[in-house]
Amino acid sequence: MPILSQDLQYMVREPISPATVVSSLMMHGTMKPDEAMEMTWSSEKGFLYIDGSNVVHSIQYGDTIQTSVAAPHLKVFLPDRLESS
């Protein structure tokens, strides 16, 4: 992915459904700035970890999780040689 891309890259690290149920296309991918993904939790209780173990949210049956690129912009200071990528 280009360093200046505004897309969101995602990867499911620990799927709880068998591989036959979860399409490999859903396990990782990218989302454009105008796209969103919505998921519904169908187990009794669980936890949603965002980018490691520091940000965690408890979830329960029926909760809906929406993921999108709509978030504050991250400011990254790059060397000149990378800005043209």
PDB file of N, CA and C in Angstrom:
ATOM      1  N   MET A   1       0.850  -1.164   0.000  1.00  0.00           N
ATOM      2  CA  MET A   1       0.000   0.000   0.000  1.00  0.00           C
ATOM      3  C   MET A   1       0.903   1.237   0.000  1.00  0.00           C
ATOM      4  N   PRO A   2       0.633   2.189  -0.871  1.00  0.00           N
ATOM      5  CA  PRO A   2       1.457   3.405  -0.898  1.00  0.00           C
ATOM      6  C   PRO A   2       1.395   4.149   0.441  1.00  0.00           C
ATOM      7  N   ILE A   3       2.490   4.746   0.831  1.00  0.00           N
ATOM      8  CA  ILE A   3       2.593   5.390   2.138  1.00  0.00           C
ATOM      9  C   ILE A   3       1.583   6.526   2.306  1.00  0.00           C
ATOM     10  N   LEU A   4       1.186   7.197   1.222  1.00  0.00           N
ATOM     11  CA  LEU A   4       0.239   8.309   1.309  1.00  0.00           C
ATOM     12  C   LEU A   4      -1.207   7.882   1.068  1.00  0.00           C
ATOM     13  N   SER A   5      -1.452   6.607   0.990  1.00  0.00           N
ATOM     14  CA  SER A   5      -2.805   6.105   0.749  1.00  0.00           C
ATOM     15  C   SER A   5      -3.738   6.508   1.889  1.00  0.00           C
ATOM     16  N   GLN A   6      -4.984   6.827   1.552  1.00  0.00           N
ATOM     17  CA  GLN A   6      -5.995   7.139   2.567  1.00  0.00           C
ATOM     18  C   GLN A   6      -6.883   5.926   2.846  1.00  0.00           C
ATOM     19  N   ASP A   7      -6.559   4.793   2.253  1.00  0.00           N
ATOM     20  CA  ASP A   7      -7.326   3.566   2.480  1.00  0.00           C
ATOM     21  C   ASP A   7      -7.037   3.017   3.880  1.00  0.00           C
ATOM     22  N   LEU A   8      -7.949   2.205   4.370  1.00  0.00           N
ATOM     23  CA  LEU A   8      -7.772   1.513   5.643  1.00  0.00           C
ATOM     24  C   LEU A   8      -7.475   0.055   5.343  1.00  0.00           C
ATOM     25  N   GLN A   9      -6.387  -0.450   5.873  1.00  0.00           N
ATOM     26  CA  GLN A   9      -6.035  -1.851   5.677  1.00  0.00           C
ATOM     27  C   GLN A   9      -6.419  -2.615   6.943  1.00  0.00           C
ATOM     28  N   TYR A  10      -7.080  -3.773   6.778  1.00  0.00           N
ATOM     29  CA  TYR A  10      -7.512  -4.551   7.937  1.00  0.00           C
ATOM     30  C   TYR A  10      -7.135  -6.016   7.777  1.00  0.00           C
ATOM     31  N   MET A  11      -7.037  -6.706   8.937  1.00  0.00           N
ATOM     32  CA  MET A  11      -6.752  -8.135   8.939  1.00  0.00           C
ATOM     33  C   MET A  11      -7.384  -8.752  10.186  1.00  0.00           C
ATOM     34  N   VAL A  12      -8.134  -9.829  10.008  1.00  0.00           N
ATOM     35  CA  VAL A  12      -8.698 -10.573  11.134  1.00  0.00           C
ATOM     36  C   VAL A  12      -7.594 -11.490  11.647  1.00  0.00           C
ATOM     37  N   ARG A  13      -7.209 -11.316  12.899  1.00  0.00           N
ATOM     38  CA  ARG A  13      -6.093 -12.092  13.441  1.00  0.00           C
ATOM     39  C   ARG A  13      -6.513 -13.423  14.020  1.00  0.00           C
ATOM     40  N   GLU A  14      -7.666 -13.473  14.658  1.00  0.00           N
ATOM     41  CA  GLU A  14      -8.101 -14.708  15.316  1.00  0.00           C
ATOM     42  C   GLU A  14      -9.571 -14.971  15.004  1.00  0.00           C
ATOM     43  N   PRO A  15      -9.858 -15.485  13.809  1.00  0.00           N
ATOM     44  CA  PRO A  15     -11.260 -15.745  13.456  1.00  0.00           C
ATOM     45  C   PRO A  15     -11.855 -16.835  14.341  1.00  0.00           C
ATOM     46  N   ILE A  16     -13.143 -16.698  14.650  1.00  0.00           N
ATOM     47  CA  ILE A  16     -13.794 -17.704  15.493  1.00  0.00           C
ATOM     48  C   ILE A  16     -14.701 -18.623  14.691  1.00  0.00           C
ATOM     49  N   SER A  17     -14.865 -18.340  13.403  1.00  0.00           N
ATOM     50  CA  SER A  17     -15.674 -19.205  12.539  1.00  0.00           C
ATOM     51  C   SER A  17     -14.763 -20.134  11.756  1.00  0.00           C
ATOM     52  N   PRO A  18     -15.232 -21.334  11.441  1.00  0.00           N
ATOM     53  CA  PRO A  18     -14.430 -22.243  10.613  1.00  0.00           C
ATOM     54  C   PRO A  18     -14.142 -21.625   9.243  1.00  0.00           C
ATOM     55  N   ALA A  19     -13.052 -22.019   8.657  1.00  0.00           N
ATOM     56  CA  ALA A  19     -12.645 -21.476   7.358  1.00  0.00           C
ATOM     57  C   ALA A  19     -13.711 -21.678   6.291  1.00  0.00           C
ATOM     58  N   THR A  20     -14.521 -22.713   6.414  1.00  0.00           N
ATOM     59  CA  THR A  20     -15.557 -22.953   5.408  1.00  0.00           C
ATOM     60  C   THR A  20     -16.672 -21.918   5.489  1.00  0.00           C
ATOM     61  N   VAL A  21     -16.822 -21.275   6.654  1.00  0.00           N
ATOM     62  CA  VAL A  21     -17.872 -20.270   6.831  1.00  0.00           C
ATOM     63  C   VAL A  21     -17.369 -18.883   6.461  1.00  0.00           C
ATOM     64  N   VAL A  22     -16.142 -18.582   6.835  1.00  0.00           N
ATOM     65  CA  VAL A  22     -15.580 -17.256   6.605  1.00  0.00           C
ATOM     66  C   VAL A  22     -14.787 -17.261   5.307  1.00  0.00           C
ATOM     67  N   SER A  23     -15.205 -16.435   4.375  1.00  0.00           N
ATOM     68  CA  SER A  23     -14.498 -16.315   3.104  1.00  0.00           C
ATOM     69  C   SER A  23     -13.116 -15.726   3.345  1.00  0.00           C
ATOM     70  N   SER A  24     -12.124 -16.236   2.661  1.00  0.00           N
ATOM     71  CA  SER A  24     -10.774 -15.690   2.807  1.00  0.00           C
ATOM     72  C   SER A  24     -10.720 -14.242   2.343  1.00  0.00           C
ATOM     73  N   LEU A  25     -11.676 -13.830   1.512  1.00  0.00           N
ATOM     74  CA  LEU A  25     -11.722 -12.437   1.070  1.00  0.00           C
ATOM     75  C   LEU A  25     -12.100 -11.499   2.215  1.00  0.00           C
ATOM     76  N   MET A  26     -12.769 -12.021   3.230  1.00  0.00           N
ATOM     77  CA  MET A  26     -13.179 -11.191   4.361  1.00  0.00           C
ATOM     78  C   MET A  26     -12.108 -11.129   5.446  1.00  0.00           C
ATOM     79  N   MET A  27     -11.094 -11.947   5.355  1.00  0.00           N
ATOM     80  CA  MET A  27     -10.086 -12.036   6.405  1.00  0.00           C
ATOM     81  C   MET A  27      -9.095 -10.874   6.383  1.00  0.00           C
ATOM     82  N   HIS A  28      -8.897 -10.285   5.220  1.00  0.00           N
ATOM     83  CA  HIS A  28      -8.016  -9.121   5.115  1.00  0.00           C
ATOM     84  C   HIS A  28      -8.365  -8.365   3.848  1.00  0.00           C
ATOM     85  N   GLY A  29      -8.047  -7.098   3.852  1.00  0.00           N
ATOM     86  CA  GLY A  29      -8.342  -6.289   2.679  1.00  0.00           C
ATOM     87  C   GLY A  29      -8.149  -4.818   2.970  1.00  0.00           C
ATOM     88  N   THR A  30      -8.676  -3.998   2.084  1.00  0.00           N
ATOM     89  CA  THR A  30      -8.607  -2.551   2.246  1.00  0.00           C
ATOM     90  C   THR A  30      -9.992  -1.954   2.037  1.00  0.00           C
ATOM     91  N   MET A  31     -10.183  -0.792   2.622  1.00  0.00           N
ATOM     92  CA  MET A  31     -11.426  -0.052   2.465  1.00  0.00           C
ATOM     93  C   MET A  31     -11.093   1.339   1.965  1.00  0.00           C
ATOM     94  N   LYS A  32     -11.849   1.822   1.010  1.00  0.00           N
ATOM     95  CA  LYS A  32     -11.695   3.175   0.476  1.00  0.00           C
ATOM     96  C   LYS A  32     -12.316   4.173   1.459  1.00  0.00           C
ATOM     97  N   PRO A  33     -11.942   5.453   1.370  1.00  0.00           N
ATOM     98  CA  PRO A  33     -12.476   6.459   2.298  1.00  0.00           C
ATOM     99  C   PRO A  33     -13.999   6.562   2.331  1.00  0.00           C
ATOM    100  N   ASP A  34     -14.684   6.181   1.259  1.00  0.00           N
ATOM    101  CA  ASP A  34     -16.149   6.292   1.230  1.00  0.00           C
ATOM    102  C   ASP A  34     -16.848   4.976   1.587  1.00  0.00           C
ATOM    103  N   GLU A  35     -16.112   3.972   2.034  1.00  0.00           N
ATOM    104  CA  GLU A  35     -16.687   2.665   2.354  1.00  0.00           C
ATOM    105  C   GLU A  35     -16.779   2.452   3.866  1.00  0.00           C
ATOM    106  N   ALA A  36     -17.660   1.541   4.260  1.00  0.00           N
ATOM    107  CA  ALA A  36     -17.784   1.138   5.664  1.00  0.00           C
ATOM    108  C   ALA A  36     -18.079  -0.355   5.703  1.00  0.00           C
ATOM    109  N   MET A  37     -17.749  -0.986   6.809  1.00  0.00           N
ATOM    110  CA  MET A  37     -18.027  -2.404   7.010  1.00  0.00           C
ATOM    111  C   MET A  37     -18.808  -2.532   8.316  1.00  0.00           C
ATOM    112  N   GLU A  38     -19.867  -3.314   8.287  1.00  0.00           N
ATOM    113  CA  GLU A  38     -20.682  -3.503   9.482  1.00  0.00           C
ATOM    114  C   GLU A  38     -20.723  -4.984   9.837  1.00  0.00           C
ATOM    115  N   MET A  39     -20.515  -5.283  11.126  1.00  0.00           N
ATOM    116  CA  MET A  39     -20.511  -6.662  11.606  1.00  0.00           C
ATOM    117  C   MET A  39     -21.442  -6.764  12.804  1.00  0.00           C
ATOM    118  N   THR A  40     -22.118  -7.898  12.947  1.00  0.00           N
ATOM    119  CA  THR A  40     -22.983  -8.135  14.097  1.00  0.00           C
ATOM    120  C   THR A  40     -22.424  -9.296  14.904  1.00  0.00           C
ATOM    121  N   TRP A  41     -22.227  -9.081  16.200  1.00  0.00           N
ATOM    122  CA  TRP A  41     -21.673 -10.091  17.088  1.00  0.00           C
ATOM    123  C   TRP A  41     -22.765 -11.094  17.436  1.00  0.00           C
ATOM    124  N   SER A  42     -22.488 -12.384  17.238  1.00  0.00           N
ATOM    125  CA  SER A  42     -23.525 -13.394  17.465  1.00  0.00           C
ATOM    126  C   SER A  42     -23.138 -14.436  18.513  1.00  0.00           C
ATOM    127  N   SER A  43     -22.192 -14.097  19.379  1.00  0.00           N
ATOM    128  CA  SER A  43     -21.872 -14.936  20.536  1.00  0.00           C
ATOM    129  C   SER A  43     -22.330 -14.199  21.793  1.00  0.00           C
ATOM    130  N   GLU A  44     -22.337 -14.908  22.920  1.00  0.00           N
ATOM    131  CA  GLU A  44     -22.852 -14.301  24.149  1.00  0.00           C
ATOM    132  C   GLU A  44     -22.045 -13.073  24.572  1.00  0.00           C
ATOM    133  N   LYS A  45     -20.739 -13.247  24.737  1.00  0.00           N
ATOM    134  CA  LYS A  45     -19.871 -12.144  25.161  1.00  0.00           C
ATOM    135  C   LYS A  45     -18.549 -12.239  24.421  1.00  0.00           C
ATOM    136  N   GLY A  46     -17.857 -11.133  24.347  1.00  0.00           N
ATOM    137  CA  GLY A  46     -16.550 -11.147  23.713  1.00  0.00           C
ATOM    138  C   GLY A  46     -15.848  -9.819  23.893  1.00  0.00           C
ATOM    139  N   PHE A  47     -14.701  -9.701  23.255  1.00  0.00           N
ATOM    140  CA  PHE A  47     -13.918  -8.480  23.307  1.00  0.00           C
ATOM    141  C   PHE A  47     -13.452  -8.142  21.905  1.00  0.00           C
ATOM    142  N   LEU A  48     -13.402  -6.871  21.618  1.00  0.00           N
ATOM    143  CA  LEU A  48     -12.917  -6.371  20.339  1.00  0.00           C
ATOM    144  C   LEU A  48     -11.627  -5.621  20.623  1.00  0.00           C
ATOM    145  N   TYR A  49     -10.529  -6.092  20.051  1.00  0.00           N
ATOM    146  CA  TYR A  49      -9.226  -5.466  20.244  1.00  0.00           C
ATOM    147  C   TYR A  49      -8.890  -4.659  19.003  1.00  0.00           C
ATOM    148  N   ILE A  50      -8.493  -3.414  19.207  1.00  0.00           N
ATOM    149  CA  ILE A  50      -8.149  -2.526  18.103  1.00  0.00           C
ATOM    150  C   ILE A  50      -6.641  -2.336  18.087  1.00  0.00           C
ATOM    151  N   ASP A  51      -5.991  -2.800  17.032  1.00  0.00           N
ATOM    152  CA  ASP A  51      -4.562  -2.583  16.817  1.00  0.00           C
ATOM    153  C   ASP A  51      -3.723  -2.985  18.029  1.00  0.00           C
ATOM    154  N   GLY A  52      -3.876  -4.214  18.473  1.00  0.00           N
ATOM    155  CA  GLY A  52      -3.086  -4.709  19.592  1.00  0.00           C
ATOM    156  C   GLY A  52      -3.946  -4.911  20.825  1.00  0.00           C
ATOM    157  N   SER A  53      -3.315  -4.896  21.994  1.00  0.00           N
ATOM    158  CA  SER A  53      -4.062  -5.184  23.224  1.00  0.00           C
ATOM    159  C   SER A  53      -4.365  -3.939  24.050  1.00  0.00           C
ATOM    160  N   ASN A  54      -3.950  -2.760  23.596  1.00  0.00           N
ATOM    161  CA  ASN A  54      -4.142  -1.549  24.390  1.00  0.00           C
ATOM    162  C   ASN A  54      -5.552  -0.981  24.311  1.00  0.00           C
ATOM    163  N   VAL A  55      -6.213  -1.085  23.173  1.00  0.00           N
ATOM    164  CA  VAL A  55      -7.567  -0.564  23.009  1.00  0.00           C
ATOM    165  C   VAL A  55      -8.509  -1.753  22.907  1.00  0.00           C
ATOM    166  N   VAL A  56      -9.378  -1.916  23.911  1.00  0.00           N
ATOM    167  CA  VAL A  56     -10.266  -3.078  23.958  1.00  0.00           C
ATOM    168  C   VAL A  56     -11.674  -2.619  24.329  1.00  0.00           C
ATOM    169  N   HIS A  57     -12.668  -3.230  23.709  1.00  0.00           N
ATOM    170  CA  HIS A  57     -14.073  -2.941  23.991  1.00  0.00           C
ATOM    171  C   HIS A  57     -14.786  -4.265  24.241  1.00  0.00           C
ATOM    172  N   SER A  58     -15.577  -4.331  25.308  1.00  0.00           N
ATOM    173  CA  SER A  58     -16.371  -5.542  25.529  1.00  0.00           C
ATOM    174  C   SER A  58     -17.598  -5.480  24.626  1.00  0.00           C
ATOM    175  N   ILE A  59     -18.005  -6.631  24.099  1.00  0.00           N
ATOM    176  CA  ILE A  59     -19.170  -6.717  23.223  1.00  0.00           C
ATOM    177  C   ILE A  59     -20.035  -7.881  23.679  1.00  0.00           C
ATOM    178  N   GLN A  60     -21.313  -7.812  23.332  1.00  0.00           N
ATOM    179  CA  GLN A  60     -22.239  -8.882  23.707  1.00  0.00           C
ATOM    180  C   GLN A  60     -23.168  -9.171  22.539  1.00  0.00           C
ATOM    181  N   TYR A  61     -23.931 -10.233  22.670  1.00  0.00           N
ATOM    182  CA  TYR A  61     -24.808 -10.709  21.606  1.00  0.00           C
ATOM    183  C   TYR A  61     -25.645  -9.565  21.029  1.00  0.00           C
ATOM    184  N   GLY A  62     -25.645  -9.463  19.706  1.00  0.00           N
ATOM    185  CA  GLY A  62     -26.455  -8.473  19.004  1.00  0.00           C
ATOM    186  C   GLY A  62     -25.778  -7.143  18.769  1.00  0.00           C
ATOM    187  N   ASP A  63     -24.616  -6.902  19.392  1.00  0.00           N
ATOM    188  CA  ASP A  63     -23.915  -5.638  19.166  1.00  0.00           C
ATOM    189  C   ASP A  63     -23.503  -5.523  17.704  1.00  0.00           C
ATOM    190  N   THR A  64     -23.585  -4.314  17.184  1.00  0.00           N
ATOM    191  CA  THR A  64     -23.172  -4.043  15.810  1.00  0.00           C
ATOM    192  C   THR A  64     -21.910  -3.201  15.851  1.00  0.00           C
ATOM    193  N   ILE A  65     -20.911  -3.609  15.097  1.00  0.00           N
ATOM    194  CA  ILE A  65     -19.636  -2.907  15.022  1.00  0.00           C
ATOM    195  C   ILE A  65     -19.505  -2.358  13.615  1.00  0.00           C
ATOM    196  N   GLN A  66     -19.241  -1.066  13.504  1.00  0.00           N
ATOM    197  CA  GLN A  66     -19.045  -0.467  12.185  1.00  0.00           C
ATOM    198  C   GLN A  66     -17.616   0.045  12.097  1.00  0.00           C
ATOM    199  N   THR A  67     -16.954  -0.295  11.019  1.00  0.00           N
ATOM    200  CA  THR A  67     -15.592   0.135  10.757  1.00  0.00           C
ATOM    201  C   THR A  67     -15.593   0.980   9.503  1.00  0.00           C
ATOM    202  N   SER A  68     -14.878   2.094   9.556  1.00  0.00           N
ATOM    203  CA  SER A  68     -14.763   2.942   8.368  1.00  0.00           C
ATOM    204  C   SER A  68     -13.441   3.692   8.429  1.00  0.00           C
ATOM    205  N   VAL A  69     -13.165   4.422   7.382  1.00  0.00           N
ATOM    206  CA  VAL A  69     -11.949   5.219   7.308  1.00  0.00           C
ATOM    207  C   VAL A  69     -12.177   6.576   7.978  1.00  0.00           C
ATOM    208  N   ALA A  70     -13.420   6.891   8.323  1.00  0.00           N
ATOM    209  CA  ALA A  70     -13.766   8.187   8.911  1.00  0.00           C
ATOM    210  C   ALA A  70     -13.197   8.288  10.324  1.00  0.00           C
ATOM    211  N   ALA A  71     -12.043   8.866  10.447  1.00  0.00           N
ATOM    212  CA  ALA A  71     -11.377   9.056  11.737  1.00  0.00           C
ATOM    213  C   ALA A  71     -10.467  10.270  11.602  1.00  0.00           C
ATOM    214  N   PRO A  72     -10.024  10.820  12.712  1.00  0.00           N
ATOM    215  CA  PRO A  72      -9.080  11.936  12.605  1.00  0.00           C
ATOM    216  C   PRO A  72      -7.844  11.507  11.818  1.00  0.00           C
ATOM    217  N   HIS A  73      -7.316  12.422  11.040  1.00  0.00           N
ATOM    218  CA  HIS A  73      -6.123  12.125  10.250  1.00  0.00           C
ATOM    219  C   HIS A  73      -4.911  11.962  11.163  1.00  0.00           C
ATOM    220  N   LEU A  74      -4.101  10.997  10.847  1.00  0.00           N
ATOM    221  CA  LEU A  74      -2.861  10.757  11.560  1.00  0.00           C
ATOM    222  C   LEU A  74      -1.767  11.564  10.879  1.00  0.00           C
ATOM    223  N   LYS A  75      -1.069  12.376  11.640  1.00  0.00           N
ATOM    224  CA  LYS A  75       0.016  13.175  11.066  1.00  0.00           C
ATOM    225  C   LYS A  75       1.307  12.376  11.153  1.00  0.00           C
ATOM    226  N   VAL A  76       1.894  12.147  10.007  1.00  0.00           N
ATOM    227  CA  VAL A  76       3.141  11.398   9.925  1.00  0.00           C
ATOM    228  C   VAL A  76       4.162  12.275   9.221  1.00  0.00           C
ATOM    229  N   PHE A  77       5.309  12.415   9.794  1.00  0.00           N
ATOM    230  CA  PHE A  77       6.371  13.205   9.194  1.00  0.00           C
ATOM    231  C   PHE A  77       7.328  12.250   8.484  1.00  0.00           C
ATOM    232  N   LEU A  78       7.397  12.399   7.168  1.00  0.00           N
ATOM    233  CA  LEU A  78       8.176  11.486   6.336  1.00  0.00           C
ATOM    234  C   LEU A  78       9.394  12.179   5.755  1.00  0.00           C
ATOM    235  N   PRO A  79      10.450  11.419   5.506  1.00  0.00           N
ATOM    236  CA  PRO A  79      11.580  11.975   4.772  1.00  0.00           C
ATOM    237  C   PRO A  79      11.142  12.282   3.339  1.00  0.00           C
ATOM    238  N   ASP A  80      11.759  13.259   2.714  1.00  0.00           N
ATOM    239  CA  ASP A  80      11.404  13.667   1.347  1.00  0.00           C
ATOM    240  C   ASP A  80      11.381  12.497   0.381  1.00  0.00           C
ATOM    241  N   ARG A  81      12.274  11.546   0.532  1.00  0.00           N
ATOM    242  CA  ARG A  81      12.356  10.431  -0.420  1.00  0.00           C
ATOM    243  C   ARG A  81      11.111   9.545  -0.387  1.00  0.00           C
ATOM    244  N   LEU A  82      10.348   9.534   0.705  1.00  0.00           N
ATOM    245  CA  LEU A  82       9.144   8.717   0.801  1.00  0.00           C
ATOM    246  C   LEU A  82       7.881   9.463   0.394  1.00  0.00           C
ATOM    247  N   GLU A  83       7.896  10.786   0.431  1.00  0.00           N
ATOM    248  CA  GLU A  83       6.700  11.556   0.132  1.00  0.00           C
ATOM    249  C   GLU A  83       6.267  11.452  -1.318  1.00  0.00           C
ATOM    250  N   SER A  84       7.144  11.097  -2.203  1.00  0.00           N
ATOM    251  CA  SER A  84       6.777  10.990  -3.619  1.00  0.00           C
ATOM    252  C   SER A  84       6.268   9.601  -3.976  1.00  0.00           C
ATOM    253  N   SER A  85       6.177   8.690  -3.016  1.00  0.00           N
ATOM    254  CA  SER A  85       5.719   7.310  -3.266  1.00  0.00           C
ATOM    255  C   SER A  85       4.268   7.265  -3.627  1.00  0.00           C
TER     256      SER A  85
END
